[in-house]
Amino acid sequence: MRSAPTRDTQARWLSAVLCLLLVSAFVWGAWRQTAGFDIWTFEGRRQLQLASGELRAPTVAMIRAFGNEALVWPHDAPAPARAPAPAPAPAPAAYLVDFIYTRCPTVCRTLGSQYQQMQRQMARDPALAQVHLASISFDVANDGSAELKQLAMGLGADPARWSFAVPASDADAHRLLRALGVVAVADGAGGFVHNGDIHLLDRHGQLRALYPIDQWPQALAAAGRLAAQTPKPTATE
């Protein structure tokens, strides 16, 4: 029969082994999530995913402000409608996408002003004909086609160059934001804290680059270069 001290010793050894395993698992997980402890911030991790080509927009159903704007990217799906929607325009070669909500009083307004400037420059430069602007709302509960249309008209958006859309469901919005590494967190006051970057996507929804809110000229120039390098779509695209 084993003595009490022996059982106590075994229990202490077992506890020590379990603690070591837990610490090892935590360290391994942290090493993996931070790329060898080099990336600690969420935005840093998103930059790493961008560099490795992991960020691509999935197929989601979208509600558009006017119903016949250019596809936000060629593989999105039209939202269910009671009446047939007009056929969308052919897919552009490059997209500059921002994520907004129509009630946003701060960063979204700044983005709207910058997109107005990009739209004016696109109208003057034929080389940017295959670039398209897209403002995507993530506020599924409050933003529909009416709210998007009101915002688009207030900003003077030309649907041929600048689309406004919102995912058709919370599930669609979650998939889209997660796939592109976009964060939108309720601020407790009816709004959201969210990314203010400009996203450069190619024809297939692949995220090619991210630009801070004040670098719209660089973003537009990069979109022009991407469009110029993109072959014309085939009949199956």
C-alpha atoms as a PDB file:
ATOM      1  CA  MET A   1       0.000   0.000   0.000  1.00  0.00           C
ATOM      2  CA  ARG A   2       1.390   3.405  -1.050  1.00  0.00           C
ATOM      3  CA  SER A   3       2.049   5.962   1.621  1.00  0.00           C
ATOM      4  CA  ALA A   4       0.431   9.417   1.646  1.00  0.00           C
ATOM      5  CA  PRO A   5       3.730  11.215   0.931  1.00  0.00           C
ATOM      6  CA  THR A   6       4.204   9.075  -2.212  1.00  0.00           C
ATOM      7  CA  ARG A   7       0.732   9.941  -3.481  1.00  0.00           C
ATOM      8  CA  ASP A   8       1.344  13.614  -2.751  1.00  0.00           C
ATOM      9  CA  THR A   9       4.635  13.518  -4.665  1.00  0.00           C
ATOM     10  CA  GLN A  10       2.974  11.906  -7.681  1.00  0.00           C
ATOM     11  CA  ALA A  11       0.180  14.453  -7.609  1.00  0.00           C
ATOM     12  CA  ARG A  12       2.692  17.301  -7.562  1.00  0.00           C
ATOM     13  CA  TRP A  13       4.601  15.777 -10.475  1.00  0.00           C
ATOM     14  CA  LEU A  14       1.364  15.328 -12.450  1.00  0.00           C
ATOM     15  CA  SER A  15       0.381  18.954 -11.795  1.00  0.00           C
ATOM     16  CA  ALA A  16       3.812  20.128 -12.882  1.00  0.00           C
ATOM     17  CA  VAL A  17       3.627  18.111 -16.115  1.00  0.00           C
ATOM     18  CA  LEU A  18       0.139  19.463 -16.892  1.00  0.00           C
ATOM     19  CA  CYS A  19       1.277  23.039 -16.247  1.00  0.00           C
ATOM     20  CA  LEU A  20       4.276  22.512 -18.516  1.00  0.00           C
ATOM     21  CA  LEU A  21       2.040  21.163 -21.275  1.00  0.00           C
ATOM     22  CA  LEU A  22      -0.316  24.132 -20.953  1.00  0.00           C
ATOM     23  CA  VAL A  23       2.543  26.631 -21.043  1.00  0.00           C
ATOM     24  CA  SER A  24       4.052  24.858 -24.047  1.00  0.00           C
ATOM     25  CA  ALA A  25       0.716  24.938 -25.872  1.00  0.00           C
ATOM     26  CA  PHE A  26       0.319  28.649 -25.129  1.00  0.00           C
ATOM     27  CA  VAL A  27       3.842  29.467 -26.309  1.00  0.00           C
ATOM     28  CA  TRP A  28       3.406  27.416 -29.471  1.00  0.00           C
ATOM     29  CA  GLY A  29       0.046  29.093 -30.204  1.00  0.00           C
ATOM     30  CA  ALA A  30       1.516  32.553 -29.610  1.00  0.00           C
ATOM     31  CA  TRP A  31       4.491  31.740 -31.826  1.00  0.00           C
ATOM     32  CA  ARG A  32       2.184  30.576 -34.605  1.00  0.00           C
ATOM     33  CA  GLN A  33      -0.231  33.511 -34.353  1.00  0.00           C
ATOM     34  CA  THR A  34       2.533  36.119 -34.216  1.00  0.00           C
ATOM     35  CA  ALA A  35       4.763  34.674 -36.945  1.00  0.00           C
ATOM     36  CA  GLY A  36       7.574  33.711 -34.622  1.00  0.00           C
ATOM     37  CA  PHE A  37       6.755  36.524 -32.146  1.00  0.00           C
ATOM     38  CA  ASP A  38       7.329  39.166 -34.847  1.00  0.00           C
ATOM     39  CA  ILE A  39       3.680  40.218 -35.318  1.00  0.00           C
ATOM     40  CA  TRP A  40       1.729  41.228 -32.216  1.00  0.00           C
ATOM     41  CA  THR A  41      -0.956  43.650 -33.476  1.00  0.00           C
ATOM     42  CA  PHE A  42      -4.062  42.699 -35.469  1.00  0.00           C
ATOM     43  CA  GLU A  43      -3.095  45.056 -38.290  1.00  0.00           C
ATOM     44  CA  GLY A  44       0.381  43.557 -38.356  1.00  0.00           C
ATOM     45  CA  ARG A  45      -1.139  40.110 -38.768  1.00  0.00           C
ATOM     46  CA  ARG A  46      -3.370  41.387 -41.572  1.00  0.00           C
ATOM     47  CA  GLN A  47      -0.314  42.755 -43.379  1.00  0.00           C
ATOM     48  CA  LEU A  48       1.310  39.330 -43.062  1.00  0.00           C
ATOM     49  CA  GLN A  49      -1.795  37.631 -44.478  1.00  0.00           C
ATOM     50  CA  LEU A  50      -1.867  40.156 -47.317  1.00  0.00           C
ATOM     51  CA  ALA A  51       1.749  39.454 -48.198  1.00  0.00           C
ATOM     52  CA  SER A  52       1.090  35.708 -48.290  1.00  0.00           C
ATOM     53  CA  GLY A  53      -2.013  36.072 -50.488  1.00  0.00           C
ATOM     54  CA  GLU A  54      -4.464  34.779 -47.872  1.00  0.00           C
ATOM     55  CA  LEU A  55      -7.035  37.584 -48.138  1.00  0.00           C
ATOM     56  CA  ARG A  56      -9.678  37.227 -50.833  1.00  0.00           C
ATOM     57  CA  ALA A  57     -13.294  38.359 -50.961  1.00  0.00           C
ATOM     58  CA  PRO A  58     -15.720  35.402 -50.922  1.00  0.00           C
ATOM     59  CA  THR A  59     -18.946  35.031 -52.853  1.00  0.00           C
ATOM     60  CA  VAL A  60     -21.686  36.792 -50.877  1.00  0.00           C
ATOM     61  CA  ALA A  61     -25.109  38.144 -51.765  1.00  0.00           C
ATOM     62  CA  MET A  62     -25.067  41.942 -52.039  1.00  0.00           C
ATOM     63  CA  ILE A  63     -27.805  44.584 -52.004  1.00  0.00           C
ATOM     64  CA  ARG A  64     -26.844  47.546 -54.195  1.00  0.00           C
ATOM     65  CA  ALA A  65     -27.968  51.146 -53.946  1.00  0.00           C
ATOM     66  CA  PHE A  66     -29.245  51.355 -57.530  1.00  0.00           C
ATOM     67  CA  GLY A  67     -29.388  47.672 -58.467  1.00  0.00           C
ATOM     68  CA  ASN A  68     -27.390  47.754 -61.704  1.00  0.00           C
ATOM     69  CA  GLU A  69     -23.960  49.023 -60.666  1.00  0.00           C
ATOM     70  CA  ALA A  70     -20.829  47.160 -61.623  1.00  0.00           C
ATOM     71  CA  LEU A  71     -20.301  44.051 -59.539  1.00  0.00           C
ATOM     72  CA  VAL A  72     -18.393  44.729 -56.371  1.00  0.00           C
ATOM     73  CA  TRP A  73     -16.233  41.877 -57.608  1.00  0.00           C
ATOM     74  CA  PRO A  74     -17.162  39.392 -60.314  1.00  0.00           C
ATOM     75  CA  HIS A  75     -17.955  36.496 -58.003  1.00  0.00           C
ATOM     76  CA  ASP A  76     -20.448  38.170 -55.699  1.00  0.00           C
ATOM     77  CA  ALA A  77     -24.057  37.051 -55.909  1.00  0.00           C
ATOM     78  CA  PRO A  78     -27.139  39.214 -56.438  1.00  0.00           C
ATOM     79  CA  ALA A  79     -29.399  39.512 -53.431  1.00  0.00           C
ATOM     80  CA  PRO A  80     -32.876  37.945 -53.770  1.00  0.00           C
ATOM     81  CA  ALA A  81     -35.270  40.428 -55.328  1.00  0.00           C
ATOM     82  CA  ARG A  82     -39.016  40.432 -55.998  1.00  0.00           C
ATOM     83  CA  ALA A  83     -38.477  41.897 -59.448  1.00  0.00           C
ATOM     84  CA  PRO A  84     -35.640  40.989 -61.814  1.00  0.00           C
ATOM     85  CA  ALA A  85     -32.728  43.380 -61.373  1.00  0.00           C
ATOM     86  CA  PRO A  86     -31.112  45.008 -64.420  1.00  0.00           C
ATOM     87  CA  ALA A  87     -28.084  43.209 -65.773  1.00  0.00           C
ATOM     88  CA  PRO A  88     -24.889  44.445 -64.067  1.00  0.00           C
ATOM     89  CA  ALA A  89     -22.124  46.123 -65.994  1.00  0.00           C
ATOM     90  CA  PRO A  90     -19.068  44.078 -67.002  1.00  0.00           C
ATOM     91  CA  ALA A  91     -16.590  43.496 -64.208  1.00  0.00           C
ATOM     92  CA  PRO A  92     -13.794  46.096 -64.009  1.00  0.00           C
ATOM     93  CA  ALA A  93     -10.152  45.088 -63.672  1.00  0.00           C
ATOM     94  CA  ALA A  94      -9.418  46.758 -60.330  1.00  0.00           C
ATOM     95  CA  TYR A  95     -11.498  47.845 -57.349  1.00  0.00           C
ATOM     96  CA  LEU A  96     -10.844  50.346 -54.591  1.00  0.00           C
ATOM     97  CA  VAL A  97     -13.049  49.280 -51.708  1.00  0.00           C
ATOM     98  CA  ASP A  98     -13.761  50.933 -48.384  1.00  0.00           C
ATOM     99  CA  PHE A  99     -15.942  49.601 -45.557  1.00  0.00           C
ATOM    100  CA  ILE A 100     -18.396  52.050 -44.062  1.00  0.00           C
ATOM    101  CA  TYR A 101     -21.840  52.496 -42.532  1.00  0.00           C
ATOM    102  CA  THR A 102     -24.190  55.262 -43.578  1.00  0.00           C
ATOM    103  CA  ARG A 103     -24.643  56.788 -40.093  1.00  0.00           C
ATOM    104  CA  CYS A 104     -20.883  57.121 -39.526  1.00  0.00           C
ATOM    105  CA  PRO A 105     -19.990  60.742 -38.674  1.00  0.00           C
ATOM    106  CA  THR A 106     -16.191  60.483 -38.759  1.00  0.00           C
ATOM    107  CA  VAL A 107     -13.866  58.290 -40.810  1.00  0.00           C
ATOM    108  CA  CYS A 108     -16.558  57.356 -43.359  1.00  0.00           C
ATOM    109  CA  ARG A 109     -17.132  61.023 -44.161  1.00  0.00           C
ATOM    110  CA  THR A 110     -13.431  61.484 -44.771  1.00  0.00           C
ATOM    111  CA  LEU A 111     -13.387  58.420 -47.026  1.00  0.00           C
ATOM    112  CA  GLY A 112     -16.416  59.775 -48.901  1.00  0.00           C
ATOM    113  CA  SER A 113     -14.576  63.018 -49.599  1.00  0.00           C
ATOM    114  CA  GLN A 114     -11.520  61.145 -50.837  1.00  0.00           C
ATOM    115  CA  TYR A 115     -13.614  58.902 -53.052  1.00  0.00           C
ATOM    116  CA  GLN A 116     -15.210  61.999 -54.556  1.00  0.00           C
ATOM    117  CA  GLN A 117     -11.732  63.202 -55.513  1.00  0.00           C
ATOM    118  CA  MET A 118     -10.865  59.813 -56.998  1.00  0.00           C
ATOM    119  CA  GLN A 119     -14.108  59.794 -58.989  1.00  0.00           C
ATOM    120  CA  ARG A 120     -13.320  63.235 -60.442  1.00  0.00           C
ATOM    121  CA  GLN A 121      -9.838  62.103 -61.433  1.00  0.00           C
ATOM    122  CA  MET A 122     -11.212  58.904 -62.981  1.00  0.00           C
ATOM    123  CA  ALA A 123     -13.642  60.946 -65.087  1.00  0.00           C
ATOM    124  CA  ARG A 124     -10.722  62.956 -66.488  1.00  0.00           C
ATOM    125  CA  ASP A 125      -8.345  60.069 -67.155  1.00  0.00           C
ATOM    126  CA  PRO A 126      -9.337  57.397 -69.729  1.00  0.00           C
ATOM    127  CA  ALA A 127      -6.529  55.196 -68.443  1.00  0.00           C
ATOM    128  CA  LEU A 128      -8.615  54.658 -65.279  1.00  0.00           C
ATOM    129  CA  ALA A 129     -11.710  53.431 -67.137  1.00  0.00           C
ATOM    130  CA  GLN A 130     -11.286  49.902 -65.780  1.00  0.00           C
ATOM    131  CA  VAL A 131     -10.987  51.022 -62.142  1.00  0.00           C
ATOM    132  CA  HIS A 132     -14.116  50.939 -60.005  1.00  0.00           C
ATOM    133  CA  LEU A 133     -14.847  52.396 -56.577  1.00  0.00           C
ATOM    134  CA  ALA A 134     -16.947  50.454 -54.072  1.00  0.00           C
ATOM    135  CA  SER A 135     -18.209  51.519 -50.650  1.00  0.00           C
ATOM    136  CA  ILE A 136     -19.468  48.515 -48.688  1.00  0.00           C
ATOM    137  CA  SER A 137     -21.599  48.933 -45.581  1.00  0.00           C
ATOM    138  CA  PHE A 138     -21.260  46.342 -42.823  1.00  0.00           C
ATOM    139  CA  ASP A 139     -24.310  47.669 -40.918  1.00  0.00           C
ATOM    140  CA  VAL A 140     -26.789  45.106 -42.199  1.00  0.00           C
ATOM    141  CA  ALA A 141     -29.407  46.002 -39.580  1.00  0.00           C
ATOM    142  CA  ASN A 142     -29.678  49.671 -40.576  1.00  0.00           C
ATOM    143  CA  ASP A 143     -28.413  50.016 -44.138  1.00  0.00           C
ATOM    144  CA  GLY A 144     -30.476  48.920 -47.117  1.00  0.00           C
ATOM    145  CA  SER A 145     -30.797  50.105 -50.700  1.00  0.00           C
ATOM    146  CA  ALA A 146     -32.651  53.281 -49.653  1.00  0.00           C
ATOM    147  CA  GLU A 147     -29.994  54.363 -47.145  1.00  0.00           C
ATOM    148  CA  LEU A 148     -27.188  53.519 -49.548  1.00  0.00           C
ATOM    149  CA  LYS A 149     -28.878  55.396 -52.392  1.00  0.00           C
ATOM    150  CA  GLN A 150     -29.341  58.477 -50.219  1.00  0.00           C
ATOM    151  CA  LEU A 151     -25.659  58.454 -49.237  1.00  0.00           C
ATOM    152  CA  ALA A 152     -24.538  57.843 -52.831  1.00  0.00           C
ATOM    153  CA  MET A 153     -26.646  60.706 -54.161  1.00  0.00           C
ATOM    154  CA  GLY A 154     -25.441  63.016 -51.403  1.00  0.00           C
ATOM    155  CA  LEU A 155     -21.861  62.326 -52.432  1.00  0.00           C
ATOM    156  CA  GLY A 156     -22.608  62.729 -56.125  1.00  0.00           C
ATOM    157  CA  ALA A 157     -21.601  59.140 -56.862  1.00  0.00           C
ATOM    158  CA  ASP A 158     -21.772  58.050 -60.497  1.00  0.00           C
ATOM    159  CA  PRO A 159     -22.941  54.390 -60.440  1.00  0.00           C
ATOM    160  CA  ALA A 160     -20.790  53.712 -63.487  1.00  0.00           C
ATOM    161  CA  ARG A 161     -17.692  54.465 -61.416  1.00  0.00           C
ATOM    162  CA  TRP A 162     -18.719  54.143 -57.762  1.00  0.00           C
ATOM    163  CA  SER A 163     -20.949  51.430 -56.257  1.00  0.00           C
ATOM    164  CA  PHE A 164     -22.605  51.327 -52.833  1.00  0.00           C
ATOM    165  CA  ALA A 165     -23.656  47.955 -51.453  1.00  0.00           C
ATOM    166  CA  VAL A 166     -24.312  46.004 -48.267  1.00  0.00           C
ATOM    167  CA  PRO A 167     -24.188  42.232 -47.696  1.00  0.00           C
ATOM    168  CA  ALA A 168     -27.657  40.703 -47.736  1.00  0.00           C
ATOM    169  CA  SER A 169     -27.346  39.106 -44.281  1.00  0.00           C
ATOM    170  CA  ASP A 170     -25.301  39.200 -41.101  1.00  0.00           C
ATOM    171  CA  ALA A 171     -23.726  35.894 -42.120  1.00  0.00           C
ATOM    172  CA  ASP A 172     -22.668  37.335 -45.487  1.00  0.00           C
ATOM    173  CA  ALA A 173     -21.214  40.414 -43.781  1.00  0.00           C
ATOM    174  CA  HIS A 174     -19.284  38.293 -41.281  1.00  0.00           C
ATOM    175  CA  ARG A 175     -17.814  36.118 -44.045  1.00  0.00           C
ATOM    176  CA  LEU A 176     -16.760  39.118 -46.086  1.00  0.00           C
ATOM    177  CA  LEU A 177     -15.183  41.082 -43.232  1.00  0.00           C
ATOM    178  CA  ARG A 178     -13.388  38.039 -41.879  1.00  0.00           C
ATOM    179  CA  ALA A 179     -12.035  37.047 -45.304  1.00  0.00           C
ATOM    180  CA  LEU A 180     -10.487  40.492 -45.801  1.00  0.00           C
ATOM    181  CA  GLY A 181      -9.387  41.002 -42.195  1.00  0.00           C
ATOM    182  CA  VAL A 182     -11.711  43.950 -41.626  1.00  0.00           C
ATOM    183  CA  VAL A 183     -12.644  44.766 -38.023  1.00  0.00           C
ATOM    184  CA  ALA A 184     -15.932  46.472 -37.137  1.00  0.00           C
ATOM    185  CA  VAL A 185     -16.725  46.561 -33.419  1.00  0.00           C
ATOM    186  CA  ALA A 186     -19.797  48.183 -31.884  1.00  0.00           C
ATOM    187  CA  ASP A 187     -18.754  51.243 -29.871  1.00  0.00           C
ATOM    188  CA  GLY A 188     -21.616  51.057 -27.381  1.00  0.00           C
ATOM    189  CA  ALA A 189     -23.136  54.305 -28.641  1.00  0.00           C
ATOM    190  CA  GLY A 190     -24.885  52.989 -31.732  1.00  0.00           C
ATOM    191  CA  GLY A 191     -21.861  53.196 -34.014  1.00  0.00           C
ATOM    192  CA  PHE A 192     -18.756  51.187 -34.837  1.00  0.00           C
ATOM    193  CA  VAL A 193     -15.005  51.345 -34.523  1.00  0.00           C
ATOM    194  CA  HIS A 194     -13.639  49.982 -37.795  1.00  0.00           C
ATOM    195  CA  ASN A 195     -10.786  49.901 -40.296  1.00  0.00           C
ATOM    196  CA  GLY A 196     -10.467  53.009 -42.449  1.00  0.00           C
ATOM    197  CA  ASP A 197      -8.141  51.552 -45.089  1.00  0.00           C
ATOM    198  CA  ILE A 198      -8.638  51.634 -48.843  1.00  0.00           C
ATOM    199  CA  HIS A 199      -8.526  48.064 -50.194  1.00  0.00           C
ATOM    200  CA  LEU A 200      -7.182  47.358 -53.679  1.00  0.00           C
ATOM    201  CA  LEU A 201      -8.814  44.204 -55.079  1.00  0.00           C
ATOM    202  CA  ASP A 202      -8.263  42.599 -58.448  1.00  0.00           C
ATOM    203  CA  ARG A 203     -10.927  41.212 -60.775  1.00  0.00           C
ATOM    204  CA  HIS A 204     -11.123  37.978 -58.789  1.00  0.00           C
ATOM    205  CA  GLY A 205     -11.541  39.613 -55.395  1.00  0.00           C
ATOM    206  CA  GLN A 206      -7.925  39.054 -54.334  1.00  0.00           C
ATOM    207  CA  LEU A 207      -6.689  41.750 -51.974  1.00  0.00           C
ATOM    208  CA  ARG A 208      -3.576  43.222 -53.605  1.00  0.00           C
ATOM    209  CA  ALA A 209      -2.747  46.146 -51.305  1.00  0.00           C
ATOM    210  CA  LEU A 210      -3.944  48.283 -48.403  1.00  0.00           C
ATOM    211  CA  TYR A 211      -3.620  52.056 -48.247  1.00  0.00           C
ATOM    212  CA  PRO A 212      -4.114  54.334 -45.232  1.00  0.00           C
ATOM    213  CA  ILE A 213      -6.966  56.767 -45.412  1.00  0.00           C
ATOM    214  CA  ASP A 214      -4.725  59.681 -46.498  1.00  0.00           C
ATOM    215  CA  GLN A 215      -3.034  57.790 -49.360  1.00  0.00           C
ATOM    216  CA  TRP A 216      -5.854  57.803 -51.893  1.00  0.00           C
ATOM    217  CA  PRO A 217      -3.619  59.179 -54.709  1.00  0.00           C
ATOM    218  CA  GLN A 218      -1.249  56.225 -54.278  1.00  0.00           C
ATOM    219  CA  ALA A 219      -4.187  53.822 -54.127  1.00  0.00           C
ATOM    220  CA  LEU A 220      -5.685  55.202 -57.340  1.00  0.00           C
ATOM    221  CA  ALA A 221      -2.337  55.084 -59.126  1.00  0.00           C
ATOM    222  CA  ALA A 222      -1.830  51.461 -58.068  1.00  0.00           C
ATOM    223  CA  ALA A 223      -5.334  50.553 -59.256  1.00  0.00           C
ATOM    224  CA  GLY A 224      -4.558  52.127 -62.633  1.00  0.00           C
ATOM    225  CA  ARG A 225      -1.385  50.079 -62.933  1.00  0.00           C
ATOM    226  CA  LEU A 226      -3.219  46.877 -61.983  1.00  0.00           C
ATOM    227  CA  ALA A 227      -5.965  47.587 -64.534  1.00  0.00           C
ATOM    228  CA  ALA A 228      -3.400  48.235 -67.271  1.00  0.00           C
ATOM    229  CA  GLN A 229      -1.699  44.904 -66.545  1.00  0.00           C
ATOM    230  CA  THR A 230      -4.957  42.898 -66.452  1.00  0.00           C
ATOM    231  CA  PRO A 231      -6.009  41.055 -69.631  1.00  0.00           C
ATOM    232  CA  LYS A 232      -9.561  41.606 -70.838  1.00  0.00           C
ATOM    233  CA  PRO A 233     -12.012  39.115 -69.304  1.00  0.00           C
ATOM    234  CA  THR A 234     -13.012  36.037 -71.266  1.00  0.00           C
ATOM    235  CA  ALA A 235     -16.588  34.955 -71.864  1.00  0.00           C
ATOM    236  CA  THR A 236     -16.441  32.716 -68.767  1.00  0.00           C
ATOM    237  CA  GLU A 237     -15.321  35.458 -66.382  1.00  0.00           C
END
